[in-house]
Amino acid sequence: PLEINQDIDHVIHAAGIASPHYYRIYPLETLDVAINGTRNMLNIAKEKKSKFLFFSSSEIYGDPDLKNIPTSEKYKGSVSTQGPRSCYDEGKRVGETLCYIFQNNYDVHTNIVRPFNFYGPGMQEKDYRVLPNFASRIKAKLTLKVSGKANQTRTFCYITDAIVGLFKVIIDGKNGEVYNIGNPNPEITMIDLVKIIKNVKNSEITFEIIDYPESYPSDEPNRRCPDIQKAIDHMNYEPTVNLNEGLRRFLNWTDENFEGLQ
């Protein structure tokens, strides 16, 4: 619980343990920040009569069936309550339920964003998600490691587009609404991602396909691609940084700031 004396216009609750490597190590802490942390922040918003923005996750959708890809906010999800990812997925789902309760029962203006793979300068080298992993190994001049069958797909949203989307939700989001924020194009496999990085870097980069490490939770969604039509309709949101340009900016930054630890 947190006491703040001054007036507050907006509460933005972006805290969370989002890296699978770390929420595998800290499952209770992951649940705690998603549930108790969210309730504490909602209590502040209720007390101060401020707007509330909750960072949820695209992970709340689980592994959608083919007819729900791209995935819209209407899709209710296919998520296990008992599994190595449940602490994160279900924690975010309960956080969304808390927003719903405070919006309906206590008249708190709430919005929820479901981020889809934001990336860019500022990511930690030991984040252990795919792009920091690749960037660290590139810096160390090592072969890239692609886990699983390498046919899992993702989309990637550069950080400036992500921030624009988040501020559009803060300013123009309709009360009680949930918004996917991300870039739906392109949806690519991890092998295609390596090929794009090779072109962006204009260098010989090798890769190998490996089993998932023990530290990485199983049950990874096979596809992840957002339907952002609601954000377009409600807030005129459109990502503008394509993947090649975003990767160029990101990898230029990691060349200067990563040590090559992987």
Protein backbone atom coordinates (compact mmCIF):
# COMPACT_ATOMS: atom_id res chain seq x y z
CA PRO A 1 0.00 0.00 0.00
CA LEU A 2 1.16 3.50 -0.86
CA GLU A 3 0.09 6.88 0.48
CA ILE A 4 0.50 9.94 -1.75
CA ASN A 5 -0.50 13.37 -0.52
CA GLN A 6 -0.70 15.39 -3.74
CA ASP A 7 -3.43 15.27 -6.37
CA ILE A 8 -3.01 12.69 -9.13
CA ASP A 9 -4.42 12.83 -12.66
CA HIS A 10 -3.20 9.48 -13.96
CA VAL A 11 -1.95 6.26 -12.40
CA ILE A 12 0.11 4.18 -14.84
CA HIS A 13 0.78 0.69 -13.50
CA ALA A 14 3.53 -0.74 -15.72
CA ALA A 15 5.38 -2.82 -13.12
CA GLY A 16 5.74 -6.51 -13.78
CA ILE A 17 8.12 -9.42 -14.16
CA ALA A 18 7.68 -10.01 -17.88
CA SER A 19 10.69 -12.08 -18.89
CA PRO A 20 9.90 -15.84 -18.87
CA HIS A 21 13.39 -16.53 -17.52
CA TYR A 22 12.70 -14.43 -14.43
CA TYR A 23 9.09 -15.30 -13.74
CA ARG A 24 10.13 -18.95 -13.80
CA ILE A 25 12.51 -18.09 -10.93
CA TYR A 26 10.13 -15.71 -9.11
CA PRO A 27 6.57 -17.04 -9.59
CA LEU A 28 5.13 -15.74 -6.30
CA GLU A 29 6.68 -12.31 -6.77
CA THR A 30 5.27 -12.24 -10.32
CA LEU A 31 1.78 -12.96 -9.01
CA ASP A 32 2.20 -10.47 -6.19
CA VAL A 33 3.01 -7.47 -8.38
CA ALA A 34 0.26 -8.38 -10.85
CA ILE A 35 -2.47 -8.86 -8.24
CA ASN A 36 -1.65 -7.06 -4.97
CA GLY A 37 0.33 -4.34 -6.73
CA THR A 38 -2.53 -3.69 -9.12
CA ARG A 39 -5.07 -3.54 -6.31
CA ASN A 40 -2.89 -1.07 -4.37
CA MET A 41 -2.62 1.18 -7.43
CA LEU A 42 -6.36 0.95 -8.11
CA ASN A 43 -7.05 2.00 -4.52
CA ILE A 44 -4.94 5.12 -5.13
CA ALA A 45 -6.85 5.85 -8.35
CA LYS A 46 -10.14 5.42 -6.49
CA GLU A 47 -9.05 7.70 -3.65
CA LYS A 48 -7.65 10.42 -5.95
CA LYS A 49 -10.38 10.08 -8.59
CA SER A 50 -7.68 9.66 -11.22
CA LYS A 51 -7.58 7.70 -14.45
CA PHE A 52 -5.90 4.31 -14.31
CA LEU A 53 -3.85 2.53 -16.97
CA PHE A 54 -2.88 -1.11 -16.48
CA PHE A 55 -0.17 -2.84 -18.49
CA SER A 56 -1.51 -6.33 -19.08
CA SER A 57 0.08 -8.66 -21.65
CA SER A 58 -0.56 -10.40 -24.94
CA GLU A 59 0.21 -13.54 -22.92
CA ILE A 60 -3.32 -13.46 -21.49
CA TYR A 61 -4.49 -14.88 -24.83
CA GLY A 62 -2.45 -18.05 -24.35
CA ASP A 63 -2.03 -19.98 -27.60
CA PRO A 64 -4.90 -18.82 -29.86
CA ASP A 65 -6.49 -21.12 -32.42
CA LEU A 66 -5.97 -20.24 -36.09
CA LYS A 67 -9.32 -18.48 -36.49
CA ASN A 68 -8.30 -15.99 -33.77
CA ILE A 69 -5.04 -14.87 -35.39
CA PRO A 70 -4.61 -11.91 -35.68
CA THR A 71 -6.01 -11.82 -32.16
CA SER A 72 -8.58 -9.20 -31.20
CA GLU A 73 -9.47 -7.98 -27.72
CA LYS A 74 -12.71 -10.00 -27.92
CA TYR A 75 -10.83 -13.30 -27.78
CA LYS A 76 -11.16 -14.67 -24.26
CA GLY A 77 -7.94 -16.67 -24.31
CA SER A 78 -6.76 -20.25 -23.92
CA VAL A 79 -4.61 -20.21 -20.82
CA SER A 80 -3.65 -22.87 -18.30
CA THR A 81 -4.13 -22.15 -14.61
CA GLN A 82 -1.45 -24.71 -13.76
CA GLY A 83 1.80 -24.52 -15.65
CA PRO A 84 5.19 -22.80 -15.84
CA ARG A 85 3.69 -19.65 -17.39
CA SER A 86 0.57 -19.48 -15.23
CA CYS A 87 2.03 -17.12 -12.63
CA TYR A 88 2.45 -14.44 -15.29
CA ASP A 89 -0.53 -15.19 -17.53
CA GLU A 90 -3.07 -15.64 -14.76
CA GLY A 91 -1.62 -12.77 -12.71
CA LYS A 92 -2.26 -10.41 -15.62
CA ARG A 93 -5.73 -11.83 -16.12
CA VAL A 94 -6.60 -11.22 -12.46
CA GLY A 95 -5.18 -7.69 -12.81
CA GLU A 96 -7.62 -7.10 -15.67
CA THR A 97 -10.48 -8.42 -13.52
CA LEU A 98 -9.53 -5.99 -10.76
CA CYS A 99 -9.70 -3.15 -13.29
CA TYR A 100 -13.15 -4.33 -14.33
CA ILE A 101 -14.35 -4.43 -10.70
CA PHE A 102 -13.02 -0.96 -9.85
CA GLN A 103 -14.44 0.50 -13.05
CA ASN A 104 -17.90 -0.99 -12.53
CA ASN A 105 -18.20 -0.87 -8.74
CA TYR A 106 -16.17 2.22 -7.81
CA ASP A 107 -16.42 4.38 -10.93
CA VAL A 108 -12.66 4.38 -11.59
CA HIS A 109 -11.81 5.31 -15.19
CA THR A 110 -9.71 2.31 -16.25
CA ASN A 111 -7.93 1.31 -19.41
CA ILE A 112 -5.97 -1.83 -20.13
CA VAL A 113 -3.23 -2.22 -22.72
CA ARG A 114 -2.06 -5.60 -23.96
CA PRO A 115 1.48 -5.06 -25.29
CA PHE A 116 2.78 -7.23 -28.12
CA ASN A 117 6.57 -7.63 -27.98
CA PHE A 118 7.85 -4.11 -27.47
CA TYR A 119 11.58 -3.75 -28.14
CA GLY A 120 14.22 -1.06 -28.50
CA PRO A 121 17.06 0.76 -26.75
CA GLY A 122 17.02 0.32 -22.98
CA MET A 123 16.38 -3.42 -22.91
CA GLN A 124 18.59 -5.27 -20.44
CA GLU A 125 21.21 -7.55 -21.90
CA LYS A 126 20.22 -10.24 -19.39
CA ASP A 127 16.52 -9.92 -20.18
CA TYR A 128 16.70 -13.37 -21.84
CA ARG A 129 14.05 -12.65 -24.46
CA VAL A 130 14.81 -13.24 -28.10
CA LEU A 131 16.08 -9.86 -29.31
CA PRO A 132 18.39 -9.10 -26.36
CA ASN A 133 19.65 -12.69 -26.58
CA PHE A 134 20.41 -12.33 -30.28
CA ALA A 135 21.99 -8.89 -29.84
CA SER A 136 24.23 -10.06 -27.02
CA ARG A 137 25.46 -13.05 -29.01
CA ILE A 138 26.03 -10.89 -32.08
CA LYS A 139 28.15 -8.56 -29.97
CA ALA A 140 30.12 -11.57 -28.72
CA LYS A 141 30.45 -12.89 -32.31
CA LEU A 142 28.72 -16.14 -31.34
CA THR A 143 26.24 -18.36 -33.17
CA LEU A 144 22.63 -17.38 -32.47
CA LYS A 145 20.56 -19.96 -30.62
CA VAL A 146 16.94 -20.43 -31.69
CA SER A 147 14.93 -22.45 -29.16
CA GLY A 148 12.21 -24.97 -29.93
CA LYS A 149 11.18 -25.90 -33.47
CA ALA A 150 11.97 -22.36 -34.69
CA ASN A 151 8.60 -22.12 -36.44
CA GLN A 152 6.96 -20.10 -33.66
CA THR A 153 5.92 -16.67 -34.92
CA ARG A 154 5.90 -13.23 -33.35
CA THR A 155 5.39 -9.61 -34.31
CA PHE A 156 7.60 -6.84 -32.92
CA CYS A 157 6.71 -3.25 -32.05
CA TYR A 158 9.48 -0.66 -31.84
CA ILE A 159 9.51 1.32 -28.61
CA THR A 160 8.60 4.73 -30.10
CA ASP A 161 5.48 3.25 -31.69
CA ALA A 162 4.70 1.55 -28.38
CA ILE A 163 5.01 4.78 -26.40
CA VAL A 164 2.81 6.67 -28.88
CA GLY A 165 0.17 3.95 -28.49
CA LEU A 166 0.35 4.07 -24.71
CA PHE A 167 -0.06 7.85 -24.58
CA LYS A 168 -2.96 7.66 -27.03
CA VAL A 169 -4.69 5.26 -24.61
CA ILE A 170 -3.97 7.59 -21.68
CA ILE A 171 -5.38 10.60 -23.54
CA ASP A 172 -8.15 9.15 -25.72
CA GLY A 173 -8.89 5.67 -24.39
CA LYS A 174 -12.57 5.05 -23.75
CA ASN A 175 -13.50 4.22 -20.16
CA GLY A 176 -13.32 0.51 -19.42
CA GLU A 177 -11.81 -0.44 -22.78
CA VAL A 178 -8.96 -2.85 -23.47
CA TYR A 179 -6.51 -2.14 -26.30
CA ASN A 180 -3.97 -4.27 -28.10
CA ILE A 181 -0.86 -2.15 -28.70
CA GLY A 182 1.68 -3.54 -31.13
CA ASN A 183 2.63 -3.82 -34.77
CA PRO A 184 0.77 -6.58 -36.65
CA ASN A 185 3.26 -6.63 -39.51
CA PRO A 186 5.19 -8.70 -40.24
CA GLU A 187 4.32 -11.89 -38.38
CA ILE A 188 7.54 -13.87 -38.75
CA THR A 189 9.20 -17.07 -37.58
CA MET A 190 12.36 -16.91 -35.52
CA ILE A 191 14.38 -18.16 -38.50
CA ASP A 192 12.98 -15.31 -40.61
CA LEU A 193 13.93 -12.94 -37.81
CA VAL A 194 17.53 -14.17 -38.01
CA LYS A 195 17.52 -13.61 -41.78
CA ILE A 196 16.26 -10.05 -41.38
CA ILE A 197 18.92 -9.34 -38.76
CA LYS A 198 21.60 -10.69 -41.14
CA ASN A 199 20.39 -8.26 -43.81
CA VAL A 200 20.21 -5.34 -41.38
CA LYS A 201 23.71 -6.05 -40.06
CA ASN A 202 25.01 -6.94 -43.53
CA SER A 203 27.23 -9.56 -41.97
CA GLU A 204 27.60 -13.31 -41.73
CA ILE A 205 25.49 -14.44 -38.79
CA THR A 206 25.04 -18.14 -38.09
CA PHE A 207 22.35 -19.82 -36.04
CA GLU A 208 21.50 -23.22 -34.61
CA ILE A 209 18.22 -24.69 -33.39
CA ILE A 210 18.35 -25.96 -29.81
CA ASP A 211 15.99 -27.41 -27.22
CA TYR A 212 14.48 -24.98 -24.75
CA PRO A 213 16.83 -24.45 -21.82
CA GLU A 214 15.65 -25.67 -18.42
CA SER A 215 15.40 -22.06 -17.23
CA TYR A 216 12.82 -21.23 -19.91
CA PRO A 217 9.19 -22.19 -19.21
CA SER A 218 7.58 -24.63 -21.63
CA ASP A 219 4.12 -24.15 -23.15
CA GLU A 220 5.24 -21.26 -25.35
CA PRO A 221 2.47 -19.88 -27.62
CA ASN A 222 3.10 -20.92 -31.21
CA ARG A 223 1.79 -17.71 -32.78
CA ARG A 224 1.37 -14.17 -31.55
CA CYS A 225 -0.07 -11.41 -33.75
CA PRO A 226 -2.32 -8.50 -32.69
CA ASP A 227 -5.47 -7.17 -34.26
CA ILE A 228 -5.15 -3.41 -33.57
CA GLN A 229 -8.33 -2.29 -35.34
CA LYS A 230 -9.90 -1.03 -32.11
CA ALA A 231 -6.88 1.19 -31.39
CA ILE A 232 -7.07 2.49 -34.97
CA ASP A 233 -10.79 3.23 -34.71
CA HIS A 234 -10.79 4.76 -31.22
CA MET A 235 -7.46 6.61 -31.25
CA ASN A 236 -6.12 6.70 -34.80
CA TYR A 237 -3.18 4.56 -33.73
CA GLU A 238 -0.83 3.35 -36.46
CA PRO A 239 2.75 2.06 -35.98
CA THR A 240 5.19 3.77 -38.33
CA VAL A 241 8.60 2.11 -37.71
CA ASN A 242 9.02 -1.01 -39.84
CA LEU A 243 10.92 -4.01 -38.53
CA ASN A 244 14.07 -3.42 -40.57
CA GLU A 245 14.39 0.17 -39.34
CA GLY A 246 13.55 -0.75 -35.76
CA LEU A 247 16.13 -3.53 -35.72
CA ARG A 248 18.73 -1.20 -37.23
CA ARG A 249 18.17 1.31 -34.42
CA PHE A 250 18.11 -1.37 -31.74
CA LEU A 251 21.22 -3.19 -32.92
CA ASN A 252 23.15 0.06 -33.33
CA TRP A 253 22.33 0.80 -29.71
CA THR A 254 23.25 -2.69 -28.48
CA ASP A 255 26.56 -2.47 -30.38
CA GLU A 256 27.40 0.51 -28.16
CA ASN A 257 25.85 -0.68 -24.90
CA PHE A 258 25.93 -4.49 -24.70
CA GLU A 259 29.03 -6.36 -23.57
CA GLY A 260 28.46 -9.66 -25.35
CA LEU A 261 27.55 -11.78 -22.32
CA GLN A 262 25.65 -14.58 -24.03
